[in-house]
Amino acid sequence: MNDGYLDIKDAAQFLAISPRSLRRIVHCGKITFYRIPGTRKLLFRIKDLHFYMKKGKCRCITELLPNAA
């Protein structure tokens, strides 16, 4: 399995969701991410994305109601 990293745009495409939806999932703490020190850029390991897909897409209130956050 590839242990490469994807930025938020590519990770969202990998999961077949929008970058905005992926940000909501990150905010809920449902997926592991890494931040480049000194920046706001998020990175996601492909291995972690596979794990997220395998365990099922858990929904939190901010995923269901965008204005709830």
PDB file of N, CA and C in Angstrom:
ATOM      1  N   MET A   1       0.845  -1.184   0.000  1.00  0.00           N
ATOM      2  CA  MET A   1       0.000   0.000   0.000  1.00  0.00           C
ATOM      3  C   MET A   1       0.886   1.242   0.000  1.00  0.00           C
ATOM      4  N   ASN A   2       0.498   2.214  -0.750  1.00  0.00           N
ATOM      5  CA  ASN A   2       1.257   3.450  -0.879  1.00  0.00           C
ATOM      6  C   ASN A   2       1.094   4.313   0.370  1.00  0.00           C
ATOM      7  N   ASP A   3       2.209   4.774   0.960  1.00  0.00           N
ATOM      8  CA  ASP A   3       2.151   5.655   2.125  1.00  0.00           C
ATOM      9  C   ASP A   3       2.366   7.108   1.728  1.00  0.00           C
ATOM     10  N   GLY A   4       2.010   7.470   0.500  1.00  0.00           N
ATOM     11  CA  GLY A   4       2.150   8.841   0.044  1.00  0.00           C
ATOM     12  C   GLY A   4       1.137   9.759   0.710  1.00  0.00           C
ATOM     13  N   TYR A   5       1.288  11.043   0.464  1.00  0.00           N
ATOM     14  CA  TYR A   5       0.415  12.060   1.051  1.00  0.00           C
ATOM     15  C   TYR A   5      -0.322  12.793  -0.052  1.00  0.00           C
ATOM     16  N   LEU A   6      -1.546  13.220   0.267  1.00  0.00           N
ATOM     17  CA  LEU A   6      -2.357  14.009  -0.650  1.00  0.00           C
ATOM     18  C   LEU A   6      -2.772  15.300   0.032  1.00  0.00           C
ATOM     19  N   ASP A   7      -2.878  16.373  -0.750  1.00  0.00           N
ATOM     20  CA  ASP A   7      -3.410  17.618  -0.180  1.00  0.00           C
ATOM     21  C   ASP A   7      -4.928  17.490  -0.095  1.00  0.00           C
ATOM     22  N   ILE A   8      -5.576  18.505   0.430  1.00  0.00           N
ATOM     23  CA  ILE A   8      -7.015  18.403   0.693  1.00  0.00           C
ATOM     24  C   ILE A   8      -7.828  18.220  -0.588  1.00  0.00           C
ATOM     25  N   LYS A   9      -7.428  18.871  -1.651  1.00  0.00           N
ATOM     26  CA  LYS A   9      -8.150  18.743  -2.923  1.00  0.00           C
ATOM     27  C   LYS A   9      -8.065  17.312  -3.455  1.00  0.00           C
ATOM     28  N   ASP A  10      -6.865  16.756  -3.466  1.00  0.00           N
ATOM     29  CA  ASP A  10      -6.674  15.407  -3.982  1.00  0.00           C
ATOM     30  C   ASP A  10      -7.274  14.354  -3.048  1.00  0.00           C
ATOM     31  N   ALA A  11      -7.180  14.587  -1.735  1.00  0.00           N
ATOM     32  CA  ALA A  11      -7.767  13.655  -0.774  1.00  0.00           C
ATOM     33  C   ALA A  11      -9.285  13.633  -0.915  1.00  0.00           C
ATOM     34  N   ALA A  12      -9.887  14.789  -1.101  1.00  0.00           N
ATOM     35  CA  ALA A  12     -11.338  14.859  -1.291  1.00  0.00           C
ATOM     36  C   ALA A  12     -11.740  14.119  -2.565  1.00  0.00           C
ATOM     37  N   GLN A  13     -10.974  14.305  -3.613  1.00  0.00           N
ATOM     38  CA  GLN A  13     -11.254  13.609  -4.867  1.00  0.00           C
ATOM     39  C   GLN A  13     -11.104  12.100  -4.665  1.00  0.00           C
ATOM     40  N   PHE A  14     -10.102  11.682  -3.935  1.00  0.00           N
ATOM     41  CA  PHE A  14      -9.872  10.273  -3.624  1.00  0.00           C
ATOM     42  C   PHE A  14     -11.086   9.674  -2.905  1.00  0.00           C
ATOM     43  N   LEU A  15     -11.690  10.453  -1.987  1.00  0.00           N
ATOM     44  CA  LEU A  15     -12.849   9.991  -1.217  1.00  0.00           C
ATOM     45  C   LEU A  15     -14.180  10.243  -1.928  1.00  0.00           C
ATOM     46  N   ALA A  16     -14.118  10.890  -3.087  1.00  0.00           N
ATOM     47  CA  ALA A  16     -15.313  11.226  -3.878  1.00  0.00           C
ATOM     48  C   ALA A  16     -16.255  12.149  -3.108  1.00  0.00           C
ATOM     49  N   ILE A  17     -15.657  13.142  -2.435  1.00  0.00           N
ATOM     50  CA  ILE A  17     -16.422  14.168  -1.728  1.00  0.00           C
ATOM     51  C   ILE A  17     -15.813  15.521  -2.076  1.00  0.00           C
ATOM     52  N   SER A  18     -16.436  16.578  -1.634  1.00  0.00           N
ATOM     53  CA  SER A  18     -15.902  17.915  -1.899  1.00  0.00           C
ATOM     54  C   SER A  18     -14.848  18.269  -0.848  1.00  0.00           C
ATOM     55  N   PRO A  19     -13.927  19.178  -1.169  1.00  0.00           N
ATOM     56  CA  PRO A  19     -12.967  19.634  -0.164  1.00  0.00           C
ATOM     57  C   PRO A  19     -13.660  20.212   1.074  1.00  0.00           C
ATOM     58  N   ARG A  20     -14.784  20.881   0.870  1.00  0.00           N
ATOM     59  CA  ARG A  20     -15.537  21.434   2.002  1.00  0.00           C
ATOM     60  C   ARG A  20     -16.035  20.322   2.932  1.00  0.00           C
ATOM     61  N   SER A  21     -16.544  19.250   2.346  1.00  0.00           N
ATOM     62  CA  SER A  21     -16.995  18.112   3.159  1.00  0.00           C
ATOM     63  C   SER A  21     -15.831  17.486   3.913  1.00  0.00           C
ATOM     64  N   LEU A  22     -14.687  17.392   3.273  1.00  0.00           N
ATOM     65  CA  LEU A  22     -13.511  16.838   3.948  1.00  0.00           C
ATOM     66  C   LEU A  22     -13.092  17.729   5.111  1.00  0.00           C
ATOM     67  N   ARG A  23     -13.172  19.034   4.948  1.00  0.00           N
ATOM     68  CA  ARG A  23     -12.857  19.946   6.058  1.00  0.00           C
ATOM     69  C   ARG A  23     -13.810  19.728   7.236  1.00  0.00           C
ATOM     70  N   ARG A  24     -15.070  19.477   6.936  1.00  0.00           N
ATOM     71  CA  ARG A  24     -16.037  19.196   8.005  1.00  0.00           C
ATOM     72  C   ARG A  24     -15.682  17.905   8.744  1.00  0.00           C
ATOM     73  N   ILE A  25     -15.276  16.898   7.991  1.00  0.00           N
ATOM     74  CA  ILE A  25     -14.885  15.623   8.597  1.00  0.00           C
ATOM     75  C   ILE A  25     -13.653  15.822   9.478  1.00  0.00           C
ATOM     76  N   VAL A  26     -12.700  16.623   9.013  1.00  0.00           N
ATOM     77  CA  VAL A  26     -11.510  16.945   9.810  1.00  0.00           C
ATOM     78  C   VAL A  26     -11.927  17.653  11.089  1.00  0.00           C
ATOM     79  N   HIS A  27     -12.818  18.623  10.978  1.00  0.00           N
ATOM     80  CA  HIS A  27     -13.285  19.388  12.126  1.00  0.00           C
ATOM     81  C   HIS A  27     -13.929  18.478  13.182  1.00  0.00           C
ATOM     82  N   CYS A  28     -14.615  17.433  12.719  1.00  0.00           N
ATOM     83  CA  CYS A  28     -15.259  16.473  13.633  1.00  0.00           C
ATOM     84  C   CYS A  28     -14.275  15.480  14.235  1.00  0.00           C
ATOM     85  N   GLY A  29     -13.049  15.464  13.729  1.00  0.00           N
ATOM     86  CA  GLY A  29     -12.050  14.533  14.252  1.00  0.00           C
ATOM     87  C   GLY A  29     -12.227  13.109  13.746  1.00  0.00           C
ATOM     88  N   LYS A  30     -12.863  12.947  12.606  1.00  0.00           N
ATOM     89  CA  LYS A  30     -13.157  11.617  12.078  1.00  0.00           C
ATOM     90  C   LYS A  30     -12.066  11.054  11.179  1.00  0.00           C
ATOM     91  N   ILE A  31     -11.074  11.862  10.836  1.00  0.00           N
ATOM     92  CA  ILE A  31     -10.029  11.403   9.926  1.00  0.00           C
ATOM     93  C   ILE A  31      -8.686  11.997  10.361  1.00  0.00           C
ATOM     94  N   THR A  32      -7.650  11.217  10.207  1.00  0.00           N
ATOM     95  CA  THR A  32      -6.312  11.666  10.586  1.00  0.00           C
ATOM     96  C   THR A  32      -5.750  12.581   9.498  1.00  0.00           C
ATOM     97  N   PHE A  33      -5.139  13.672   9.931  1.00  0.00           N
ATOM     98  CA  PHE A  33      -4.524  14.597   8.988  1.00  0.00           C
ATOM     99  C   PHE A  33      -3.219  15.117   9.588  1.00  0.00           C
ATOM    100  N   TYR A  34      -2.419  15.719   8.752  1.00  0.00           N
ATOM    101  CA  TYR A  34      -1.142  16.297   9.165  1.00  0.00           C
ATOM    102  C   TYR A  34      -1.090  17.728   8.664  1.00  0.00           C
ATOM    103  N   ARG A  35      -0.494  18.590   9.439  1.00  0.00           N
ATOM    104  CA  ARG A  35      -0.380  19.996   9.060  1.00  0.00           C
ATOM    105  C   ARG A  35       1.102  20.322   8.851  1.00  0.00           C
ATOM    106  N   ILE A  36       1.385  21.030   7.779  1.00  0.00           N
ATOM    107  CA  ILE A  36       2.751  21.474   7.524  1.00  0.00           C
ATOM    108  C   ILE A  36       3.028  22.617   8.489  1.00  0.00           C
ATOM    109  N   PRO A  37       4.080  22.497   9.324  1.00  0.00           N
ATOM    110  CA  PRO A  37       4.373  23.557  10.307  1.00  0.00           C
ATOM    111  C   PRO A  37       4.507  24.928   9.644  1.00  0.00           C
ATOM    112  N   GLY A  38       3.881  25.902  10.272  1.00  0.00           N
ATOM    113  CA  GLY A  38       3.959  27.268   9.772  1.00  0.00           C
ATOM    114  C   GLY A  38       2.981  27.587   8.657  1.00  0.00           C
ATOM    115  N   THR A  39       2.137  26.612   8.301  1.00  0.00           N
ATOM    116  CA  THR A  39       1.147  26.846   7.245  1.00  0.00           C
ATOM    117  C   THR A  39      -0.212  26.332   7.709  1.00  0.00           C
ATOM    118  N   ARG A  40      -1.206  26.593   6.916  1.00  0.00           N
ATOM    119  CA  ARG A  40      -2.545  26.066   7.181  1.00  0.00           C
ATOM    120  C   ARG A  40      -2.830  24.843   6.315  1.00  0.00           C
ATOM    121  N   LYS A  41      -1.855  24.428   5.511  1.00  0.00           N
ATOM    122  CA  LYS A  41      -2.040  23.325   4.569  1.00  0.00           C
ATOM    123  C   LYS A  41      -2.181  21.991   5.297  1.00  0.00           C
ATOM    124  N   LEU A  42      -3.201  21.227   4.911  1.00  0.00           N
ATOM    125  CA  LEU A  42      -3.441  19.913   5.478  1.00  0.00           C
ATOM    126  C   LEU A  42      -2.989  18.845   4.493  1.00  0.00           C
ATOM    127  N   LEU A  43      -2.425  17.777   5.033  1.00  0.00           N
ATOM    128  CA  LEU A  43      -2.041  16.622   4.232  1.00  0.00           C
ATOM    129  C   LEU A  43      -2.686  15.378   4.814  1.00  0.00           C
ATOM    130  N   PHE A  44      -2.973  14.424   3.948  1.00  0.00           N
ATOM    131  CA  PHE A  44      -3.609  13.181   4.349  1.00  0.00           C
ATOM    132  C   PHE A  44      -2.813  12.019   3.779  1.00  0.00           C
ATOM    133  N   ARG A  45      -2.511  11.027   4.632  1.00  0.00           N
ATOM    134  CA  ARG A  45      -1.833   9.831   4.145  1.00  0.00           C
ATOM    135  C   ARG A  45      -2.853   8.965   3.413  1.00  0.00           C
ATOM    136  N   ILE A  46      -2.449   8.413   2.300  1.00  0.00           N
ATOM    137  CA  ILE A  46      -3.331   7.533   1.543  1.00  0.00           C
ATOM    138  C   ILE A  46      -3.761   6.355   2.411  1.00  0.00           C
ATOM    139  N   LYS A  47      -2.856   5.860   3.213  1.00  0.00           N
ATOM    140  CA  LYS A  47      -3.165   4.750   4.128  1.00  0.00           C
ATOM    141  C   LYS A  47      -4.313   5.133   5.074  1.00  0.00           C
ATOM    142  N   ASP A  48      -4.296   6.360   5.597  1.00  0.00           N
ATOM    143  CA  ASP A  48      -5.358   6.831   6.493  1.00  0.00           C
ATOM    144  C   ASP A  48      -6.687   7.002   5.753  1.00  0.00           C
ATOM    145  N   LEU A  49      -6.625   7.430   4.494  1.00  0.00           N
ATOM    146  CA  LEU A  49      -7.839   7.572   3.698  1.00  0.00           C
ATOM    147  C   LEU A  49      -8.478   6.210   3.446  1.00  0.00           C
ATOM    148  N   HIS A  50      -7.631   5.202   3.161  1.00  0.00           N
ATOM    149  CA  HIS A  50      -8.144   3.842   2.985  1.00  0.00           C
ATOM    150  C   HIS A  50      -8.803   3.358   4.277  1.00  0.00           C
ATOM    151  N   PHE A  51      -8.182   3.630   5.412  1.00  0.00           N
ATOM    152  CA  PHE A  51      -8.730   3.228   6.704  1.00  0.00           C
ATOM    153  C   PHE A  51     -10.083   3.898   6.942  1.00  0.00           C
ATOM    154  N   TYR A  52     -10.175   5.181   6.654  1.00  0.00           N
ATOM    155  CA  TYR A  52     -11.434   5.916   6.819  1.00  0.00           C
ATOM    156  C   TYR A  52     -12.532   5.297   5.956  1.00  0.00           C
ATOM    157  N   MET A  53     -12.198   4.971   4.712  1.00  0.00           N
ATOM    158  CA  MET A  53     -13.181   4.378   3.813  1.00  0.00           C
ATOM    159  C   MET A  53     -13.599   2.992   4.296  1.00  0.00           C
ATOM    160  N   LYS A  54     -12.650   2.236   4.833  1.00  0.00           N
ATOM    161  CA  LYS A  54     -12.939   0.880   5.287  1.00  0.00           C
ATOM    162  C   LYS A  54     -13.842   0.871   6.523  1.00  0.00           C
ATOM    163  N   LYS A  55     -13.602   1.796   7.452  1.00  0.00           N
ATOM    164  CA  LYS A  55     -14.368   1.784   8.701  1.00  0.00           C
ATOM    165  C   LYS A  55     -15.775   2.355   8.536  1.00  0.00           C
ATOM    166  N   GLY A  56     -16.033   2.986   7.443  1.00  0.00           N
ATOM    167  CA  GLY A  56     -17.365   3.558   7.210  1.00  0.00           C
ATOM    168  C   GLY A  56     -17.348   5.053   7.433  1.00  0.00           C
ATOM    169  N   LYS A  57     -18.187   5.720   6.732  1.00  0.00           N
ATOM    170  CA  LYS A  57     -18.224   7.177   6.798  1.00  0.00           C
ATOM    171  C   LYS A  57     -19.173   7.604   7.894  1.00  0.00           C
ATOM    172  N   CYS A  58     -18.658   7.836   9.056  1.00  0.00           N
ATOM    173  CA  CYS A  58     -19.455   8.295  10.193  1.00  0.00           C
ATOM    174  C   CYS A  58     -19.833   9.754   9.968  1.00  0.00           C
ATOM    175  N   ARG A  59     -21.051  10.069  10.253  1.00  0.00           N
ATOM    176  CA  ARG A  59     -21.507  11.443  10.089  1.00  0.00           C
ATOM    177  C   ARG A  59     -21.596  12.137  11.443  1.00  0.00           C
ATOM    178  N   CYS A  60     -21.258  13.392  11.455  1.00  0.00           N
ATOM    179  CA  CYS A  60     -21.435  14.200  12.649  1.00  0.00           C
ATOM    180  C   CYS A  60     -22.387  15.335  12.284  1.00  0.00           C
ATOM    181  N   ILE A  61     -22.817  16.086  13.242  1.00  0.00           N
ATOM    182  CA  ILE A  61     -23.831  17.111  13.012  1.00  0.00           C
ATOM    183  C   ILE A  61     -23.390  18.155  11.995  1.00  0.00           C
ATOM    184  N   THR A  62     -22.092  18.509  11.967  1.00  0.00           N
ATOM    185  CA  THR A  62     -21.649  19.533  11.011  1.00  0.00           C
ATOM    186  C   THR A  62     -21.623  19.003   9.586  1.00  0.00           C
ATOM    187  N   GLU A  63     -21.550  17.688   9.421  1.00  0.00           N
ATOM    188  CA  GLU A  63     -21.633  17.129   8.083  1.00  0.00           C
ATOM    189  C   GLU A  63     -23.079  17.175   7.582  1.00  0.00           C
ATOM    190  N   LEU A  64     -24.017  16.980   8.495  1.00  0.00           N
ATOM    191  CA  LEU A  64     -25.428  16.958   8.120  1.00  0.00           C
ATOM    192  C   LEU A  64     -26.017  18.357   7.986  1.00  0.00           C
ATOM    193  N   LEU A  65     -25.595  19.253   8.882  1.00  0.00           N
ATOM    194  CA  LEU A  65     -26.110  20.612   8.904  1.00  0.00           C
ATOM    195  C   LEU A  65     -24.956  21.599   8.817  1.00  0.00           C
ATOM    196  N   PRO A  66     -24.626  22.088   7.628  1.00  0.00           N
ATOM    197  CA  PRO A  66     -23.459  22.964   7.456  1.00  0.00           C
ATOM    198  C   PRO A  66     -23.468  24.187   8.362  1.00  0.00           C
ATOM    199  N   ASN A  67     -24.620  24.701   8.763  1.00  0.00           N
ATOM    200  CA  ASN A  67     -24.669  25.884   9.601  1.00  0.00           C
ATOM    201  C   ASN A  67     -24.602  25.577  11.086  1.00  0.00           C
ATOM    202  N   ALA A  68     -24.432  24.302  11.455  1.00  0.00           N
ATOM    203  CA  ALA A  68     -24.399  23.899  12.852  1.00  0.00           C
ATOM    204  C   ALA A  68     -23.057  24.206  13.510  1.00  0.00           C
ATOM    205  N   ALA A  69     -22.022  24.396  12.722  1.00  0.00           N
ATOM    206  CA  ALA A  69     -20.679  24.620  13.284  1.00  0.00           C
ATOM    207  C   ALA A  69     -20.522  26.009  13.824  1.00  0.00           C
TER     208      ALA A  69
END
